Structures are given as structure tokens and as C-alpha cells.
Amino acid sequence: MPRHNRRDRQRPPPAGGGFGFSQVEPGPSGLDVDHHVRRIPASRATKIYRCPGCNNTITVGTAHIVAWPVDDFGGAEERRHWHTGCWTGRRGRTGYR
């Protein structure tokens, strides 16, 4: 009987707590701090969050953005989950909640 390839089970988790890699983008209007940004695909969106851009919920299975200040080093207290469209339009807002 042939052996099965089991390399996937031995692979270490990705850097950054298993959420993939982030990129740095300007933060929301009114904040002079760059933010780390991660795109969360719909298949990984397993919780409900409240978007600070529109104050509506981000439902399970909705692709979205997670952003936090660069100087925070990814602390959970400062991470915010945004609708992709709200994050894209953040610079035109007077501030976020």
C-alpha cells in the first residue's frame, strides 16, 4: 500500500498568530498613525464583529479587513475589524468610532 504524503500536518503555523501576513497602510482619517492591515477571506471569517467605519455588523462568512496601529505590535486590544469598503473609504471620513 502506498504511503500518504503527510507534510501538511508537520508544517509550522504561519507567522503572526496564524492569520497570515499584514501590510502597512495609512490609518483612518484623523489618526496620524500607520496601521498593519490583514485581509480576512470569507472562509476564515467565523465570528461577528462591529465595523468602526459604519457601526454595522460584519457577519460570519464575510471577507473583511483587520487593522491595528503599527506601534501596537498586533495587540488584541487595538485590532479592529472593518468591512472592506469601509476601510477603503476611511480617508474620506471625519473620524471613526
N, C-alpha and C. Protein backbone atom coordinates (compact mmCIF):
# COMPACT_ATOMS: atom_id res chain seq x y z
N MET A 1 0.84 -1.18 0.00
CA MET A 1 0.00 0.00 0.00
C MET A 1 0.89 1.25 0.00
N PRO A 2 0.62 2.23 -0.86
CA PRO A 2 1.46 3.43 -0.91
C PRO A 2 1.28 4.31 0.33
N ARG A 3 2.36 5.01 0.66
CA ARG A 3 2.31 5.95 1.79
C ARG A 3 1.64 7.24 1.37
N HIS A 4 0.99 7.88 2.31
CA HIS A 4 0.37 9.17 2.06
C HIS A 4 1.35 10.29 2.42
N ASN A 5 1.30 11.35 1.67
CA ASN A 5 2.16 12.49 1.95
C ASN A 5 1.58 13.25 3.15
N ARG A 6 2.34 13.35 4.22
CA ARG A 6 1.85 13.98 5.45
C ARG A 6 2.61 15.26 5.78
N ARG A 7 3.20 15.89 4.81
CA ARG A 7 3.95 17.12 5.06
C ARG A 7 3.07 18.23 5.61
N ASP A 8 1.82 18.33 5.18
CA ASP A 8 0.95 19.40 5.63
C ASP A 8 0.74 19.37 7.14
N ARG A 9 0.70 18.21 7.72
CA ARG A 9 0.48 18.09 9.17
C ARG A 9 1.71 18.52 9.95
N GLN A 10 2.86 18.50 9.34
CA GLN A 10 4.10 18.83 10.03
C GLN A 10 4.51 20.28 9.82
N ARG A 11 3.81 21.01 8.99
CA ARG A 11 4.16 22.39 8.68
C ARG A 11 3.88 23.28 9.90
N PRO A 12 4.83 24.14 10.27
CA PRO A 12 4.59 25.04 11.40
C PRO A 12 3.55 26.09 11.04
N PRO A 13 2.85 26.65 12.03
CA PRO A 13 1.85 27.67 11.74
C PRO A 13 2.53 28.92 11.16
N PRO A 14 1.83 29.68 10.33
CA PRO A 14 2.42 30.89 9.76
C PRO A 14 2.70 31.94 10.81
N ALA A 15 3.62 32.83 10.50
CA ALA A 15 3.96 33.91 11.41
C ALA A 15 2.76 34.82 11.61
N GLY A 16 2.71 35.50 12.75
CA GLY A 16 1.63 36.44 13.01
C GLY A 16 0.40 35.79 13.60
N GLY A 17 0.55 34.71 14.35
CA GLY A 17 -0.57 34.11 15.04
C GLY A 17 -1.49 33.31 14.16
N GLY A 18 -1.04 32.92 12.98
CA GLY A 18 -1.86 32.09 12.14
C GLY A 18 -2.81 32.84 11.24
N PHE A 19 -2.73 34.15 11.20
CA PHE A 19 -3.64 34.94 10.39
C PHE A 19 -3.03 35.40 9.08
N GLY A 20 -1.84 34.95 8.78
CA GLY A 20 -1.19 35.37 7.54
C GLY A 20 -0.37 36.62 7.76
N PHE A 21 0.00 37.25 6.68
CA PHE A 21 0.88 38.40 6.76
C PHE A 21 0.09 39.70 6.63
N SER A 22 0.65 40.76 7.17
CA SER A 22 -0.01 42.06 7.10
C SER A 22 0.83 43.01 6.25
N GLN A 23 0.19 44.08 5.83
CA GLN A 23 0.90 45.15 5.14
C GLN A 23 0.59 46.43 5.88
N VAL A 24 1.40 47.45 5.67
CA VAL A 24 1.21 48.72 6.36
C VAL A 24 0.52 49.70 5.42
N GLU A 25 -0.54 50.35 5.94
CA GLU A 25 -1.30 51.34 5.19
C GLU A 25 -1.59 52.53 6.10
N PRO A 26 -1.91 53.69 5.52
CA PRO A 26 -2.30 54.83 6.36
C PRO A 26 -3.55 54.49 7.16
N GLY A 27 -3.62 55.00 8.37
CA GLY A 27 -4.77 54.74 9.22
C GLY A 27 -5.97 55.59 8.84
N PRO A 28 -7.04 55.47 9.61
CA PRO A 28 -8.25 56.25 9.35
C PRO A 28 -7.99 57.75 9.46
N SER A 29 -8.83 58.53 8.81
CA SER A 29 -8.73 59.98 8.86
C SER A 29 -8.78 60.45 10.32
N GLY A 30 -7.98 61.43 10.64
CA GLY A 30 -7.95 61.96 11.98
C GLY A 30 -6.91 61.27 12.86
N LEU A 31 -6.40 60.15 12.44
CA LEU A 31 -5.35 59.46 13.17
C LEU A 31 -4.09 59.51 12.35
N ASP A 32 -3.02 59.97 12.94
CA ASP A 32 -1.76 60.16 12.22
C ASP A 32 -0.85 58.96 12.36
N VAL A 33 -1.42 57.76 12.43
CA VAL A 33 -0.65 56.55 12.68
C VAL A 33 -0.91 55.55 11.56
N ASP A 34 0.18 54.97 11.05
CA ASP A 34 0.01 53.89 10.07
C ASP A 34 -0.53 52.66 10.77
N HIS A 35 -1.20 51.81 9.99
CA HIS A 35 -1.81 50.60 10.54
C HIS A 35 -1.33 49.36 9.78
N HIS A 36 -1.16 48.27 10.52
CA HIS A 36 -0.99 46.96 9.89
C HIS A 36 -2.37 46.55 9.42
N VAL A 37 -2.44 45.92 8.24
CA VAL A 37 -3.72 45.52 7.67
C VAL A 37 -3.63 44.07 7.21
N ARG A 38 -4.60 43.29 7.60
CA ARG A 38 -4.72 41.90 7.11
C ARG A 38 -6.08 41.74 6.47
N ARG A 39 -6.09 41.06 5.35
CA ARG A 39 -7.34 40.75 4.67
C ARG A 39 -7.78 39.36 5.12
N ILE A 40 -8.99 39.27 5.62
CA ILE A 40 -9.55 38.01 6.10
C ILE A 40 -10.51 37.48 5.04
N PRO A 41 -10.23 36.32 4.46
CA PRO A 41 -11.14 35.77 3.45
C PRO A 41 -12.43 35.27 4.11
N ALA A 42 -13.47 35.15 3.34
CA ALA A 42 -14.78 34.72 3.86
C ALA A 42 -14.69 33.37 4.56
N SER A 43 -13.85 32.49 4.06
CA SER A 43 -13.74 31.15 4.65
C SER A 43 -13.13 31.18 6.06
N ARG A 44 -12.41 32.25 6.42
CA ARG A 44 -11.79 32.37 7.74
C ARG A 44 -12.57 33.29 8.67
N ALA A 45 -13.63 33.89 8.18
CA ALA A 45 -14.45 34.81 8.98
C ALA A 45 -15.48 34.00 9.76
N THR A 46 -15.16 33.68 11.00
CA THR A 46 -16.00 32.77 11.78
C THR A 46 -16.69 33.43 12.97
N LYS A 47 -16.54 34.73 13.13
CA LYS A 47 -17.18 35.45 14.23
C LYS A 47 -17.89 36.68 13.70
N ILE A 48 -18.74 37.25 14.54
CA ILE A 48 -19.42 38.50 14.21
C ILE A 48 -18.65 39.64 14.88
N TYR A 49 -18.40 40.71 14.11
CA TYR A 49 -17.70 41.89 14.62
C TYR A 49 -18.51 43.13 14.28
N ARG A 50 -18.19 44.25 14.92
CA ARG A 50 -18.81 45.53 14.61
C ARG A 50 -17.77 46.40 13.92
N CYS A 51 -18.10 46.88 12.72
CA CYS A 51 -17.20 47.71 11.93
C CYS A 51 -17.17 49.13 12.50
N PRO A 52 -15.98 49.68 12.80
CA PRO A 52 -15.91 51.06 13.31
C PRO A 52 -16.19 52.10 12.23
N GLY A 53 -16.16 51.71 10.98
CA GLY A 53 -16.41 52.67 9.90
C GLY A 53 -17.88 53.00 9.73
N CYS A 54 -18.75 51.99 9.85
CA CYS A 54 -20.19 52.21 9.63
C CYS A 54 -21.03 51.81 10.84
N ASN A 55 -20.42 51.20 11.85
CA ASN A 55 -21.07 50.76 13.07
C ASN A 55 -22.10 49.64 12.82
N ASN A 56 -22.00 48.96 11.70
CA ASN A 56 -22.84 47.81 11.41
C ASN A 56 -22.04 46.53 11.67
N THR A 57 -22.73 45.40 11.71
CA THR A 57 -22.04 44.15 11.98
C THR A 57 -21.40 43.57 10.73
N ILE A 58 -20.30 42.87 10.96
CA ILE A 58 -19.65 42.07 9.92
C ILE A 58 -20.05 40.64 10.24
N THR A 59 -20.82 40.03 9.39
CA THR A 59 -21.38 38.72 9.68
C THR A 59 -20.39 37.60 9.38
N VAL A 60 -20.68 36.43 9.92
CA VAL A 60 -19.88 35.24 9.65
C VAL A 60 -19.89 34.97 8.15
N GLY A 61 -18.73 34.66 7.61
CA GLY A 61 -18.61 34.35 6.19
C GLY A 61 -18.44 35.56 5.30
N THR A 62 -18.20 36.74 5.89
CA THR A 62 -17.98 37.95 5.11
C THR A 62 -16.50 38.30 5.11
N ALA A 63 -15.90 38.39 3.94
CA ALA A 63 -14.50 38.80 3.84
C ALA A 63 -14.39 40.23 4.39
N HIS A 64 -13.32 40.51 5.12
CA HIS A 64 -13.16 41.84 5.71
C HIS A 64 -11.70 42.12 6.00
N ILE A 65 -11.44 43.25 6.65
CA ILE A 65 -10.10 43.74 6.97
C ILE A 65 -9.93 43.77 8.48
N VAL A 66 -8.73 43.40 8.95
CA VAL A 66 -8.37 43.61 10.35
C VAL A 66 -7.21 44.61 10.35
N ALA A 67 -7.32 45.67 11.15
CA ALA A 67 -6.29 46.71 11.18
C ALA A 67 -5.96 47.06 12.62
N TRP A 68 -4.68 47.38 12.87
CA TRP A 68 -4.24 47.83 14.17
C TRP A 68 -3.03 48.74 13.99
N PRO A 69 -2.81 49.68 14.93
CA PRO A 69 -1.70 50.62 14.81
C PRO A 69 -0.34 49.92 14.74
N VAL A 70 0.56 50.48 13.95
CA VAL A 70 1.90 49.89 13.79
C VAL A 70 2.62 49.80 15.12
N ASP A 71 2.49 50.81 15.96
CA ASP A 71 3.23 50.82 17.23
C ASP A 71 2.63 49.91 18.29
N ASP A 72 1.55 49.21 17.98
CA ASP A 72 0.89 48.34 18.96
C ASP A 72 1.40 46.90 18.89
N PHE A 73 2.13 46.52 17.88
CA PHE A 73 2.70 45.19 17.71
C PHE A 73 1.63 44.09 17.68
N GLY A 74 0.46 44.40 17.19
CA GLY A 74 -0.57 43.37 16.99
C GLY A 74 -1.35 42.99 18.22
N GLY A 75 -1.32 43.84 19.25
CA GLY A 75 -2.08 43.56 20.46
C GLY A 75 -3.57 43.47 20.17
N ALA A 76 -4.23 42.52 20.77
CA ALA A 76 -5.65 42.27 20.51
C ALA A 76 -6.53 43.46 20.90
N GLU A 77 -6.10 44.28 21.84
CA GLU A 77 -6.93 45.40 22.30
C GLU A 77 -7.14 46.46 21.22
N GLU A 78 -6.20 46.62 20.34
CA GLU A 78 -6.28 47.68 19.33
C GLU A 78 -6.72 47.19 17.96
N ARG A 79 -6.88 45.89 17.77
CA ARG A 79 -7.31 45.37 16.47
C ARG A 79 -8.77 45.72 16.24
N ARG A 80 -9.06 46.17 15.02
CA ARG A 80 -10.43 46.50 14.63
C ARG A 80 -10.75 45.78 13.33
N HIS A 81 -11.94 45.24 13.26
CA HIS A 81 -12.40 44.53 12.07
C HIS A 81 -13.28 45.49 11.27
N TRP A 82 -12.93 45.70 10.01
CA TRP A 82 -13.61 46.65 9.14
C TRP A 82 -14.21 45.93 7.94
N HIS A 83 -15.37 46.39 7.46
CA HIS A 83 -15.82 45.97 6.13
C HIS A 83 -14.75 46.45 5.14
N THR A 84 -14.53 45.70 4.11
CA THR A 84 -13.51 46.08 3.12
C THR A 84 -13.82 47.45 2.53
N GLY A 85 -15.07 47.71 2.19
CA GLY A 85 -15.46 49.00 1.62
C GLY A 85 -15.30 50.15 2.60
N CYS A 86 -15.58 49.90 3.88
CA CYS A 86 -15.41 50.94 4.90
C CYS A 86 -13.94 51.29 5.08
N TRP A 87 -13.08 50.26 5.07
CA TRP A 87 -11.64 50.53 5.19
C TRP A 87 -11.14 51.30 3.98
N THR A 88 -11.60 50.93 2.79
CA THR A 88 -11.18 51.61 1.57
C THR A 88 -11.60 53.08 1.60
N GLY A 89 -12.76 53.39 2.13
CA GLY A 89 -13.26 54.76 2.18
C GLY A 89 -12.93 55.50 3.46
N ARG A 90 -12.07 54.97 4.29
CA ARG A 90 -11.79 55.54 5.61
C ARG A 90 -11.20 56.93 5.55
N ARG A 91 -10.43 57.25 4.52
CA ARG A 91 -9.75 58.55 4.46
C ARG A 91 -10.71 59.70 4.24
N GLY A 92 -11.89 59.44 3.70
CA GLY A 92 -12.86 60.49 3.48
C GLY A 92 -13.75 60.77 4.66
N ARG A 93 -13.65 59.98 5.70
CA ARG A 93 -14.48 60.17 6.89
C ARG A 93 -13.83 61.19 7.82
N THR A 94 -14.65 61.78 8.69
CA THR A 94 -14.14 62.76 9.64
C THR A 94 -13.49 62.11 10.84
N GLY A 95 -13.61 60.84 10.98
CA GLY A 95 -13.05 60.09 12.09
C GLY A 95 -13.83 58.80 12.24
N TYR A 96 -13.33 57.90 13.01
CA TYR A 96 -14.09 56.67 13.19
C TYR A 96 -14.38 56.47 14.66
N ARG A 97 -15.36 55.65 14.92
CA ARG A 97 -15.81 55.43 16.29
C ARG A 97 -15.01 54.38 16.98
